[in-house]
Amino acid sequence: MSVQRLVSVWGRLLLTALALTGCGGATDEAPPPDPELVAALVPLHLADARAEATGESRDSLRAAAYAHARRATGLDSAALAARLDAVAGRPAEAAVLFQSLQDSLALLRP
């Protein structure tokens, strides 16, 4: 095979690969997580961790966390539950939400 023909074949393969990757349709990637949902879940997770670490009443800590989440995001417990139910049916989106929540909690560590 001549060098010119080899370059021509590789050039066509490269152009085909670029065209296929550039013209891709829908992907299976999850959309970015809902920032309000993450902001509402952070205080709830912190409340659970505090209750476990200190022995304080989980119910009172969660009530305070829900109140904080509602003030910060406008989501009441019913709206929060509805959003979580919606995400639960979409595993890829749930994984992205979980990772974002973990990242947000990690930023709070001393």
N, C-alpha and C. Protein backbone atom coordinates (compact mmCIF):
# COMPACT_ATOMS: atom_id res chain seq x y z
N MET A 1 0.86 -1.17 0.00
CA MET A 1 0.00 0.00 0.00
C MET A 1 0.90 1.23 0.00
N SER A 2 0.61 2.18 -0.85
CA SER A 2 1.44 3.39 -0.94
C SER A 2 1.18 4.31 0.24
N VAL A 3 2.13 5.16 0.50
CA VAL A 3 2.03 6.11 1.62
C VAL A 3 0.86 7.05 1.39
N GLN A 4 0.67 7.49 0.15
CA GLN A 4 -0.42 8.41 -0.16
C GLN A 4 -1.77 7.75 0.11
N ARG A 5 -1.92 6.50 -0.28
CA ARG A 5 -3.18 5.79 -0.05
C ARG A 5 -3.40 5.58 1.44
N LEU A 6 -2.32 5.25 2.20
CA LEU A 6 -2.42 5.04 3.63
C LEU A 6 -2.86 6.33 4.33
N VAL A 7 -2.27 7.46 3.92
CA VAL A 7 -2.66 8.76 4.49
C VAL A 7 -4.12 9.05 4.16
N SER A 8 -4.53 8.73 2.96
CA SER A 8 -5.91 8.97 2.54
C SER A 8 -6.88 8.13 3.37
N VAL A 9 -6.56 6.86 3.60
CA VAL A 9 -7.43 5.98 4.39
C VAL A 9 -7.51 6.49 5.83
N TRP A 10 -6.34 6.80 6.44
CA TRP A 10 -6.34 7.30 7.83
C TRP A 10 -7.06 8.64 7.93
N GLY A 11 -6.91 9.47 6.92
CA GLY A 11 -7.60 10.76 6.91
C GLY A 11 -9.11 10.59 6.90
N ARG A 12 -9.58 9.66 6.07
CA ARG A 12 -11.03 9.39 6.03
C ARG A 12 -11.52 8.82 7.35
N LEU A 13 -10.73 7.92 7.95
CA LEU A 13 -11.12 7.36 9.25
C LEU A 13 -11.19 8.44 10.32
N LEU A 14 -10.21 9.34 10.31
CA LEU A 14 -10.19 10.41 11.28
C LEU A 14 -11.38 11.34 11.09
N LEU A 15 -11.66 11.71 9.85
CA LEU A 15 -12.82 12.57 9.57
C LEU A 15 -14.13 11.89 9.97
N THR A 16 -14.24 10.61 9.70
CA THR A 16 -15.44 9.86 10.08
C THR A 16 -15.59 9.85 11.59
N ALA A 17 -14.51 9.59 12.30
CA ALA A 17 -14.57 9.56 13.77
C ALA A 17 -14.96 10.92 14.32
N LEU A 18 -14.37 11.98 13.78
CA LEU A 18 -14.72 13.32 14.24
C LEU A 18 -16.18 13.65 13.94
N ALA A 19 -16.65 13.25 12.78
CA ALA A 19 -18.04 13.52 12.43
C ALA A 19 -19.00 12.77 13.34
N LEU A 20 -18.67 11.53 13.65
CA LEU A 20 -19.55 10.74 14.51
C LEU A 20 -19.58 11.29 15.93
N THR A 21 -18.44 11.71 16.45
CA THR A 21 -18.43 12.23 17.81
C THR A 21 -19.04 13.62 17.87
N GLY A 22 -18.86 14.41 16.84
CA GLY A 22 -19.41 15.77 16.83
C GLY A 22 -20.88 15.83 16.56
N CYS A 23 -21.42 14.83 15.91
CA CYS A 23 -22.83 14.84 15.54
C CYS A 23 -23.65 13.90 16.40
N GLY A 24 -23.12 13.51 17.52
CA GLY A 24 -23.86 12.59 18.38
C GLY A 24 -25.18 13.17 18.80
N GLY A 25 -26.17 12.34 18.86
CA GLY A 25 -27.49 12.78 19.29
C GLY A 25 -27.58 12.79 20.79
N ALA A 26 -28.68 12.29 21.29
CA ALA A 26 -28.90 12.26 22.73
C ALA A 26 -27.89 11.34 23.39
N THR A 27 -27.47 11.74 24.57
CA THR A 27 -26.53 10.92 25.31
C THR A 27 -27.21 10.40 26.56
N ASP A 28 -26.56 9.47 27.22
CA ASP A 28 -27.11 8.92 28.45
C ASP A 28 -26.63 9.69 29.68
N GLU A 29 -25.95 10.80 29.45
CA GLU A 29 -25.44 11.58 30.57
C GLU A 29 -26.61 12.20 31.33
N ALA A 30 -26.48 12.20 32.63
CA ALA A 30 -27.50 12.80 33.47
C ALA A 30 -27.32 14.32 33.46
N PRO A 31 -28.42 15.04 33.60
CA PRO A 31 -28.30 16.50 33.70
C PRO A 31 -27.63 16.87 35.02
N PRO A 32 -27.14 18.09 35.13
CA PRO A 32 -26.52 18.49 36.39
C PRO A 32 -27.55 18.40 37.52
N PRO A 33 -27.09 18.19 38.74
CA PRO A 33 -28.03 18.04 39.84
C PRO A 33 -28.76 19.35 40.14
N ASP A 34 -29.93 19.22 40.69
CA ASP A 34 -30.75 20.36 41.10
C ASP A 34 -30.07 21.03 42.30
N PRO A 35 -29.57 22.27 42.16
CA PRO A 35 -28.85 22.90 43.27
C PRO A 35 -29.72 23.11 44.50
N GLU A 36 -31.02 23.36 44.30
CA GLU A 36 -31.91 23.51 45.46
C GLU A 36 -32.04 22.20 46.23
N LEU A 37 -32.09 21.11 45.50
CA LEU A 37 -32.20 19.80 46.14
C LEU A 37 -30.94 19.49 46.94
N VAL A 38 -29.80 19.77 46.36
CA VAL A 38 -28.53 19.54 47.08
C VAL A 38 -28.49 20.43 48.32
N ALA A 39 -28.86 21.71 48.17
CA ALA A 39 -28.83 22.64 49.30
C ALA A 39 -29.79 22.22 50.41
N ALA A 40 -30.89 21.58 50.05
CA ALA A 40 -31.84 21.11 51.06
C ALA A 40 -31.36 19.83 51.73
N LEU A 41 -30.64 18.99 51.01
CA LEU A 41 -30.20 17.71 51.57
C LEU A 41 -28.99 17.85 52.49
N VAL A 42 -28.16 18.83 52.26
CA VAL A 42 -26.95 18.99 53.09
C VAL A 42 -27.30 19.13 54.57
N PRO A 43 -28.19 20.06 54.97
CA PRO A 43 -28.48 20.17 56.41
C PRO A 43 -29.15 18.92 56.98
N LEU A 44 -29.90 18.20 56.16
CA LEU A 44 -30.53 16.96 56.65
C LEU A 44 -29.47 15.90 56.95
N HIS A 45 -28.50 15.79 56.09
CA HIS A 45 -27.41 14.83 56.33
C HIS A 45 -26.58 15.24 57.54
N LEU A 46 -26.34 16.53 57.67
CA LEU A 46 -25.60 17.01 58.83
C LEU A 46 -26.36 16.75 60.12
N ALA A 47 -27.67 16.93 60.08
CA ALA A 47 -28.49 16.66 61.27
C ALA A 47 -28.41 15.19 61.66
N ASP A 48 -28.50 14.30 60.68
CA ASP A 48 -28.39 12.86 60.98
C ASP A 48 -27.01 12.52 61.55
N ALA A 49 -25.97 13.10 60.99
CA ALA A 49 -24.61 12.83 61.48
C ALA A 49 -24.44 13.35 62.90
N ARG A 50 -24.98 14.53 63.17
CA ARG A 50 -24.87 15.10 64.52
C ARG A 50 -25.63 14.25 65.53
N ALA A 51 -26.81 13.79 65.15
CA ALA A 51 -27.58 12.94 66.05
C ALA A 51 -26.83 11.66 66.36
N GLU A 52 -26.22 11.09 65.36
CA GLU A 52 -25.47 9.84 65.56
C GLU A 52 -24.22 10.07 66.42
N ALA A 53 -23.56 11.20 66.21
CA ALA A 53 -22.32 11.47 66.93
C ALA A 53 -22.55 11.91 68.37
N THR A 54 -23.64 12.64 68.62
CA THR A 54 -23.84 13.23 69.95
C THR A 54 -24.93 12.56 70.77
N GLY A 55 -25.78 11.78 70.11
CA GLY A 55 -26.90 11.17 70.82
C GLY A 55 -28.08 12.11 70.99
N GLU A 56 -28.00 13.29 70.38
CA GLU A 56 -29.13 14.23 70.44
C GLU A 56 -30.32 13.64 69.69
N SER A 57 -31.47 14.19 69.97
CA SER A 57 -32.70 13.72 69.33
C SER A 57 -32.65 13.95 67.82
N ARG A 58 -32.74 12.88 67.08
CA ARG A 58 -32.73 12.98 65.62
C ARG A 58 -33.94 13.78 65.13
N ASP A 59 -35.08 13.58 65.77
CA ASP A 59 -36.30 14.27 65.33
C ASP A 59 -36.18 15.79 65.46
N SER A 60 -35.65 16.25 66.60
CA SER A 60 -35.53 17.71 66.77
C SER A 60 -34.48 18.29 65.83
N LEU A 61 -33.39 17.55 65.62
CA LEU A 61 -32.37 18.03 64.70
C LEU A 61 -32.88 18.05 63.27
N ARG A 62 -33.65 17.04 62.90
CA ARG A 62 -34.19 17.02 61.54
C ARG A 62 -35.22 18.12 61.34
N ALA A 63 -36.01 18.40 62.38
CA ALA A 63 -37.00 19.48 62.27
C ALA A 63 -36.29 20.82 62.04
N ALA A 64 -35.20 21.03 62.76
CA ALA A 64 -34.43 22.26 62.56
C ALA A 64 -33.80 22.28 61.17
N ALA A 65 -33.34 21.12 60.70
CA ALA A 65 -32.73 21.05 59.37
C ALA A 65 -33.77 21.31 58.28
N TYR A 66 -34.98 20.77 58.43
CA TYR A 66 -36.05 21.04 57.46
C TYR A 66 -36.38 22.53 57.45
N ALA A 67 -36.44 23.14 58.63
CA ALA A 67 -36.73 24.58 58.70
C ALA A 67 -35.64 25.39 57.99
N HIS A 68 -34.39 25.00 58.22
CA HIS A 68 -33.28 25.68 57.55
C HIS A 68 -33.36 25.49 56.03
N ALA A 69 -33.63 24.27 55.60
CA ALA A 69 -33.72 23.98 54.17
C ALA A 69 -34.86 24.76 53.53
N ARG A 70 -35.96 24.87 54.24
CA ARG A 70 -37.10 25.61 53.69
C ARG A 70 -36.76 27.09 53.54
N ARG A 71 -36.10 27.66 54.54
CA ARG A 71 -35.70 29.07 54.44
C ARG A 71 -34.69 29.27 53.31
N ALA A 72 -33.76 28.34 53.17
CA ALA A 72 -32.69 28.49 52.17
C ALA A 72 -33.15 28.23 50.75
N THR A 73 -34.08 27.30 50.57
CA THR A 73 -34.45 26.88 49.22
C THR A 73 -35.91 27.10 48.86
N GLY A 74 -36.74 27.28 49.85
CA GLY A 74 -38.18 27.40 49.58
C GLY A 74 -38.87 26.06 49.44
N LEU A 75 -38.14 24.96 49.62
CA LEU A 75 -38.72 23.63 49.50
C LEU A 75 -39.24 23.16 50.86
N ASP A 76 -40.53 22.83 50.92
CA ASP A 76 -41.03 22.22 52.14
C ASP A 76 -40.81 20.71 52.04
N SER A 77 -41.17 19.99 53.09
CA SER A 77 -40.87 18.55 53.11
C SER A 77 -41.60 17.81 51.99
N ALA A 78 -42.80 18.25 51.63
CA ALA A 78 -43.54 17.58 50.54
C ALA A 78 -42.86 17.81 49.19
N ALA A 79 -42.42 19.04 48.95
CA ALA A 79 -41.74 19.35 47.69
C ALA A 79 -40.40 18.62 47.62
N LEU A 80 -39.70 18.55 48.74
CA LEU A 80 -38.44 17.83 48.79
C LEU A 80 -38.65 16.35 48.50
N ALA A 81 -39.67 15.76 49.11
CA ALA A 81 -39.98 14.35 48.87
C ALA A 81 -40.35 14.11 47.41
N ALA A 82 -41.10 15.02 46.82
CA ALA A 82 -41.51 14.87 45.42
C ALA A 82 -40.29 14.91 44.49
N ARG A 83 -39.37 15.81 44.76
CA ARG A 83 -38.16 15.89 43.93
C ARG A 83 -37.30 14.65 44.10
N LEU A 84 -37.19 14.17 45.32
CA LEU A 84 -36.41 12.95 45.54
C LEU A 84 -37.05 11.76 44.86
N ASP A 85 -38.38 11.66 44.90
CA ASP A 85 -39.07 10.58 44.21
C ASP A 85 -38.83 10.64 42.71
N ALA A 86 -38.82 11.84 42.16
CA ALA A 86 -38.59 12.00 40.72
C ALA A 86 -37.18 11.54 40.35
N VAL A 87 -36.20 11.89 41.17
CA VAL A 87 -34.82 11.51 40.89
C VAL A 87 -34.62 10.01 41.09
N ALA A 88 -35.34 9.42 42.03
CA ALA A 88 -35.17 8.00 42.32
C ALA A 88 -35.47 7.12 41.11
N GLY A 89 -36.30 7.58 40.22
CA GLY A 89 -36.63 6.82 39.02
C GLY A 89 -35.61 6.97 37.90
N ARG A 90 -34.59 7.78 38.12
CA ARG A 90 -33.57 8.02 37.10
C ARG A 90 -32.19 7.77 37.73
N PRO A 91 -31.70 6.54 37.64
CA PRO A 91 -30.45 6.17 38.33
C PRO A 91 -29.24 7.04 37.99
N ALA A 92 -29.09 7.41 36.75
CA ALA A 92 -27.93 8.23 36.38
C ALA A 92 -28.00 9.60 37.05
N GLU A 93 -29.19 10.16 37.08
CA GLU A 93 -29.38 11.46 37.72
C GLU A 93 -29.20 11.34 39.24
N ALA A 94 -29.66 10.24 39.81
CA ALA A 94 -29.49 10.01 41.25
C ALA A 94 -28.01 9.90 41.60
N ALA A 95 -27.24 9.25 40.76
CA ALA A 95 -25.80 9.12 41.02
C ALA A 95 -25.11 10.48 40.98
N VAL A 96 -25.50 11.33 40.04
CA VAL A 96 -24.92 12.66 39.95
C VAL A 96 -25.33 13.49 41.17
N LEU A 97 -26.58 13.36 41.59
CA LEU A 97 -27.05 14.06 42.79
C LEU A 97 -26.26 13.60 44.01
N PHE A 98 -26.08 12.30 44.16
CA PHE A 98 -25.34 11.76 45.29
C PHE A 98 -23.91 12.29 45.30
N GLN A 99 -23.26 12.30 44.15
CA GLN A 99 -21.89 12.79 44.08
C GLN A 99 -21.82 14.27 44.42
N SER A 100 -22.78 15.04 43.95
CA SER A 100 -22.80 16.47 44.25
C SER A 100 -23.03 16.70 45.74
N LEU A 101 -23.88 15.89 46.34
CA LEU A 101 -24.11 15.99 47.79
C LEU A 101 -22.84 15.65 48.55
N GLN A 102 -22.16 14.58 48.14
CA GLN A 102 -20.90 14.20 48.78
C GLN A 102 -19.86 15.32 48.64
N ASP A 103 -19.78 15.93 47.47
CA ASP A 103 -18.83 17.02 47.25
C ASP A 103 -19.16 18.22 48.14
N SER A 104 -20.44 18.53 48.26
CA SER A 104 -20.86 19.66 49.11
C SER A 104 -20.54 19.40 50.57
N LEU A 105 -20.77 18.18 51.02
CA LEU A 105 -20.45 17.83 52.41
C LEU A 105 -18.95 17.85 52.65
N ALA A 106 -18.18 17.41 51.68
CA ALA A 106 -16.73 17.40 51.83
C ALA A 106 -16.17 18.82 51.96
N LEU A 107 -16.81 19.78 51.32
CA LEU A 107 -16.35 21.17 51.42
C LEU A 107 -16.55 21.74 52.82
N LEU A 108 -17.42 21.12 53.60
CA LEU A 108 -17.70 21.60 54.95
C LEU A 108 -16.75 21.03 56.00
N ARG A 109 -15.96 20.06 55.62
CA ARG A 109 -15.02 19.45 56.57
C ARG A 109 -13.91 20.43 56.90
N PRO A 110 -13.49 20.42 58.17
CA PRO A 110 -12.41 21.34 58.56
C PRO A 110 -11.07 20.92 57.98
